[in-house]
Amino acid sequence: MSLISQRVALARSGANDKVICKMASGWAVMGDVQFLPGYCLLLPDPVVPSLNDLDTQARTTYLLDMARLGDAVLQATGALRMNYEILGNSEPELHCHIFPRYASEAEHYRKMPVWFYDWKTATPYAEDIHGALRLEIARLLATH
């Protein structure tokens, strides 16, 4: 089972501690690492190979959820802007990376894709450190 399918299965069973909330198109979850506080993903449920495998209504719902999640992260973090990435090269199932970008980032990082950061040394998600932000994002999504 692929990583995306595993994470969705864990979310369905209540065993994914990174879940922000269930959305119309799937699951909003915090990223495994938090080198940019508020980094999260939108995982579709059901899992599909790509955006192109969704019908028009499902695409619309997924992309609207993606933007709503970005709005909530932006408000919760006070980030400078949001970046959205749907790649699917390493994990060939639909998922969107949602990255807050901060004015406080070193300029050479701020102007580049986040993939230039050192992911191996990034701060892992920890509920005691990042849980309040996860809950605030969930609250914002629930109120809008």
C-alpha atoms as a PDB file:
ATOM      1  CA  MET A   1       0.000   0.000   0.000  1.00  0.00           C
ATOM      2  CA  SER A   2       1.363   3.427  -0.945  1.00  0.00           C
ATOM      3  CA  LEU A   3       2.137   6.125   1.599  1.00  0.00           C
ATOM      4  CA  ILE A   4      -0.889   8.252   0.633  1.00  0.00           C
ATOM      5  CA  SER A   5      -3.240   5.260   0.870  1.00  0.00           C
ATOM      6  CA  GLN A   6      -1.725   4.342   4.250  1.00  0.00           C
ATOM      7  CA  ARG A   7      -2.212   7.857   5.602  1.00  0.00           C
ATOM      8  CA  VAL A   8      -5.828   7.981   4.418  1.00  0.00           C
ATOM      9  CA  ALA A   9      -6.525   4.575   5.979  1.00  0.00           C
ATOM     10  CA  LEU A  10      -5.039   5.814   9.276  1.00  0.00           C
ATOM     11  CA  ALA A  11      -7.143   8.982   9.101  1.00  0.00           C
ATOM     12  CA  ARG A  12     -10.322   6.971   8.491  1.00  0.00           C
ATOM     13  CA  SER A  13      -9.597   4.797  11.516  1.00  0.00           C
ATOM     14  CA  GLY A  14      -8.744   7.752  13.769  1.00  0.00           C
ATOM     15  CA  ALA A  15      -5.116   6.614  14.070  1.00  0.00           C
ATOM     16  CA  ASN A  16      -3.411   9.498  12.207  1.00  0.00           C
ATOM     17  CA  ASP A  17      -2.266  12.004  14.853  1.00  0.00           C
ATOM     18  CA  LYS A  18      -1.570  14.627  12.200  1.00  0.00           C
ATOM     19  CA  VAL A  19      -5.196  14.974  11.061  1.00  0.00           C
ATOM     20  CA  ILE A  20      -6.450  18.543  11.122  1.00  0.00           C
ATOM     21  CA  CYS A  21      -9.963  17.644   9.999  1.00  0.00           C
ATOM     22  CA  LYS A  22     -12.053  15.798   7.438  1.00  0.00           C
ATOM     23  CA  MET A  23     -12.956  17.986   4.481  1.00  0.00           C
ATOM     24  CA  ALA A  24     -15.459  17.403   1.687  1.00  0.00           C
ATOM     25  CA  SER A  25     -12.751  16.019  -0.627  1.00  0.00           C
ATOM     26  CA  GLY A  26     -10.547  14.213   1.875  1.00  0.00           C
ATOM     27  CA  TRP A  27      -8.282  14.816   4.851  1.00  0.00           C
ATOM     28  CA  ALA A  28      -6.329  17.897   5.882  1.00  0.00           C
ATOM     29  CA  VAL A  29      -3.198  16.732   7.705  1.00  0.00           C
ATOM     30  CA  MET A  30      -0.077  18.333   9.109  1.00  0.00           C
ATOM     31  CA  GLY A  31       3.184  17.514   7.343  1.00  0.00           C
ATOM     32  CA  ASP A  32       5.532  14.968   8.864  1.00  0.00           C
ATOM     33  CA  VAL A  33       8.098  17.744   9.238  1.00  0.00           C
ATOM     34  CA  GLN A  34       7.535  21.366  10.164  1.00  0.00           C
ATOM     35  CA  PHE A  35      10.556  23.286   8.866  1.00  0.00           C
ATOM     36  CA  LEU A  36       7.898  25.778   7.778  1.00  0.00           C
ATOM     37  CA  PRO A  37       5.358  25.830  10.636  1.00  0.00           C
ATOM     38  CA  GLY A  38       1.922  25.053   9.264  1.00  0.00           C
ATOM     39  CA  TYR A  39       3.103  22.859   6.386  1.00  0.00           C
ATOM     40  CA  CYS A  40       0.222  20.533   5.638  1.00  0.00           C
ATOM     41  CA  LEU A  41      -1.261  18.321   2.965  1.00  0.00           C
ATOM     42  CA  LEU A  42      -4.666  17.594   1.514  1.00  0.00           C
ATOM     43  CA  LEU A  43      -5.170  13.858   0.944  1.00  0.00           C
ATOM     44  CA  PRO A  44      -8.150  12.834  -1.187  1.00  0.00           C
ATOM     45  CA  ASP A  45     -10.638  10.265   0.060  1.00  0.00           C
ATOM     46  CA  PRO A  46     -11.053   8.097  -1.867  1.00  0.00           C
ATOM     47  CA  VAL A  47      -7.453   8.025  -3.068  1.00  0.00           C
ATOM     48  CA  VAL A  48      -7.015   8.490  -6.819  1.00  0.00           C
ATOM     49  CA  PRO A  49      -3.905   8.514  -9.023  1.00  0.00           C
ATOM     50  CA  SER A  50      -4.141  12.181 -10.057  1.00  0.00           C
ATOM     51  CA  LEU A  51      -6.331  15.252 -10.313  1.00  0.00           C
ATOM     52  CA  ASN A  52      -7.108  14.172 -13.863  1.00  0.00           C
ATOM     53  CA  ASP A  53      -8.836  11.051 -12.526  1.00  0.00           C
ATOM     54  CA  LEU A  54     -11.518  13.134 -10.796  1.00  0.00           C
ATOM     55  CA  ASP A  55     -14.703  14.257 -12.514  1.00  0.00           C
ATOM     56  CA  THR A  56     -15.457  17.977 -12.752  1.00  0.00           C
ATOM     57  CA  GLN A  57     -17.378  18.164  -9.469  1.00  0.00           C
ATOM     58  CA  ALA A  58     -14.756  16.201  -7.515  1.00  0.00           C
ATOM     59  CA  ARG A  59     -11.965  18.361  -8.999  1.00  0.00           C
ATOM     60  CA  THR A  60     -13.813  21.509  -8.036  1.00  0.00           C
ATOM     61  CA  THR A  61     -14.361  20.252  -4.504  1.00  0.00           C
ATOM     62  CA  TYR A  62     -10.728  19.177  -4.083  1.00  0.00           C
ATOM     63  CA  LEU A  63      -9.299  22.451  -5.387  1.00  0.00           C
ATOM     64  CA  LEU A  64     -11.713  24.524  -3.289  1.00  0.00           C
ATOM     65  CA  ASP A  65     -10.737  22.515  -0.190  1.00  0.00           C
ATOM     66  CA  MET A  66      -7.079  23.099  -1.076  1.00  0.00           C
ATOM     67  CA  ALA A  67      -7.644  26.865  -1.197  1.00  0.00           C
ATOM     68  CA  ARG A  68      -9.732  26.840   2.004  1.00  0.00           C
ATOM     69  CA  LEU A  69      -6.970  24.942   3.813  1.00  0.00           C
ATOM     70  CA  GLY A  70      -4.428  27.452   2.516  1.00  0.00           C
ATOM     71  CA  ASP A  71      -6.609  30.341   3.732  1.00  0.00           C
ATOM     72  CA  ALA A  72      -6.780  28.798   7.205  1.00  0.00           C
ATOM     73  CA  VAL A  73      -3.017  28.171   7.351  1.00  0.00           C
ATOM     74  CA  LEU A  74      -2.322  31.709   6.156  1.00  0.00           C
ATOM     75  CA  GLN A  75      -4.579  33.161   8.849  1.00  0.00           C
ATOM     76  CA  ALA A  76      -3.267  30.865  11.591  1.00  0.00           C
ATOM     77  CA  THR A  77       0.413  31.477  10.849  1.00  0.00           C
ATOM     78  CA  GLY A  78       0.549  35.046   9.566  1.00  0.00           C
ATOM     79  CA  ALA A  79       2.703  33.769   6.697  1.00  0.00           C
ATOM     80  CA  LEU A  80       3.710  36.037   3.835  1.00  0.00           C
ATOM     81  CA  ARG A  81       2.108  33.805   1.194  1.00  0.00           C
ATOM     82  CA  MET A  82       1.050  30.242   0.486  1.00  0.00           C
ATOM     83  CA  ASN A  83       2.556  27.780  -2.009  1.00  0.00           C
ATOM     84  CA  TYR A  84       0.538  24.850  -3.355  1.00  0.00           C
ATOM     85  CA  GLU A  85       2.166  21.861  -5.017  1.00  0.00           C
ATOM     86  CA  ILE A  86       0.560  18.826  -6.608  1.00  0.00           C
ATOM     87  CA  LEU A  87       3.424  16.691  -7.878  1.00  0.00           C
ATOM     88  CA  GLY A  88       2.818  12.941  -7.666  1.00  0.00           C
ATOM     89  CA  ASN A  89       6.254  11.918  -8.908  1.00  0.00           C
ATOM     90  CA  SER A  90       7.500  10.043  -5.828  1.00  0.00           C
ATOM     91  CA  GLU A  91       4.049   9.126  -4.515  1.00  0.00           C
ATOM     92  CA  PRO A  92       1.869   8.620  -7.614  1.00  0.00           C
ATOM     93  CA  GLU A  93      -1.433   9.326  -5.882  1.00  0.00           C
ATOM     94  CA  LEU A  94      -3.145  12.696  -5.650  1.00  0.00           C
ATOM     95  CA  HIS A  95      -2.053  14.845  -2.724  1.00  0.00           C
ATOM     96  CA  CYS A  96      -1.368  18.549  -2.393  1.00  0.00           C
ATOM     97  CA  HIS A  97       1.468  20.031  -0.355  1.00  0.00           C
ATOM     98  CA  ILE A  98       0.448  23.348   1.208  1.00  0.00           C
ATOM     99  CA  PHE A  99       3.405  25.436   2.339  1.00  0.00           C
ATOM    100  CA  PRO A 100       3.270  28.724   4.225  1.00  0.00           C
ATOM    101  CA  ARG A 101       6.151  30.941   3.196  1.00  0.00           C
ATOM    102  CA  TYR A 102       7.570  33.453   5.645  1.00  0.00           C
ATOM    103  CA  ALA A 103       9.353  36.790   5.368  1.00  0.00           C
ATOM    104  CA  SER A 104      11.740  35.432   8.021  1.00  0.00           C
ATOM    105  CA  GLU A 105      13.072  32.697   5.708  1.00  0.00           C
ATOM    106  CA  ALA A 106      16.606  33.206   4.457  1.00  0.00           C
ATOM    107  CA  GLU A 107      16.313  34.977   1.111  1.00  0.00           C
ATOM    108  CA  HIS A 108      17.965  32.157  -0.856  1.00  0.00           C
ATOM    109  CA  TYR A 109      15.298  29.751   0.496  1.00  0.00           C
ATOM    110  CA  ARG A 110      12.368  32.159   0.304  1.00  0.00           C
ATOM    111  CA  LYS A 111      12.772  32.558  -3.449  1.00  0.00           C
ATOM    112  CA  MET A 112      13.209  28.841  -4.166  1.00  0.00           C
ATOM    113  CA  PRO A 113      10.887  25.841  -3.979  1.00  0.00           C
ATOM    114  CA  VAL A 114      10.788  24.264  -0.528  1.00  0.00           C
ATOM    115  CA  TRP A 115      12.441  21.127  -1.880  1.00  0.00           C
ATOM    116  CA  PHE A 116      15.784  22.959  -1.508  1.00  0.00           C
ATOM    117  CA  TYR A 117      15.459  22.810   2.297  1.00  0.00           C
ATOM    118  CA  ASP A 118      17.209  19.959   4.098  1.00  0.00           C
ATOM    119  CA  TRP A 119      14.241  17.704   4.815  1.00  0.00           C
ATOM    120  CA  LYS A 120      16.403  15.136   6.640  1.00  0.00           C
ATOM    121  CA  THR A 121      17.252  17.569   9.434  1.00  0.00           C
ATOM    122  CA  ALA A 122      13.849  19.291   9.543  1.00  0.00           C
ATOM    123  CA  THR A 123      11.890  19.437  12.794  1.00  0.00           C
ATOM    124  CA  PRO A 124       9.476  16.480  12.896  1.00  0.00           C
ATOM    125  CA  TYR A 125       5.823  17.140  13.691  1.00  0.00           C
ATOM    126  CA  ALA A 126       5.219  16.799  17.432  1.00  0.00           C
ATOM    127  CA  GLU A 127       1.825  17.302  19.022  1.00  0.00           C
ATOM    128  CA  ASP A 128       3.270  19.064  22.077  1.00  0.00           C
ATOM    129  CA  ILE A 129       5.016  21.594  19.819  1.00  0.00           C
ATOM    130  CA  HIS A 130       2.680  21.875  16.812  1.00  0.00           C
ATOM    131  CA  GLY A 131      -0.660  20.684  18.211  1.00  0.00           C
ATOM    132  CA  ALA A 132      -1.939  24.168  19.055  1.00  0.00           C
ATOM    133  CA  LEU A 133      -1.355  25.262  15.452  1.00  0.00           C
ATOM    134  CA  ARG A 134      -3.099  22.109  14.157  1.00  0.00           C
ATOM    135  CA  LEU A 135      -6.111  22.875  16.366  1.00  0.00           C
ATOM    136  CA  GLU A 136      -6.179  26.531  15.298  1.00  0.00           C
ATOM    137  CA  ILE A 137      -6.209  25.546  11.615  1.00  0.00           C
ATOM    138  CA  ALA A 138      -9.053  23.118  12.362  1.00  0.00           C
ATOM    139  CA  ARG A 139     -10.976  25.844  14.207  1.00  0.00           C
ATOM    140  CA  LEU A 140     -10.579  28.263  11.317  1.00  0.00           C
ATOM    141  CA  LEU A 141     -11.776  25.651   8.837  1.00  0.00           C
ATOM    142  CA  ALA A 142     -14.803  24.890  10.994  1.00  0.00           C
ATOM    143  CA  THR A 143     -15.799  28.568  11.190  1.00  0.00           C
ATOM    144  CA  HIS A 144     -15.582  29.280   7.454  1.00  0.00           C
END
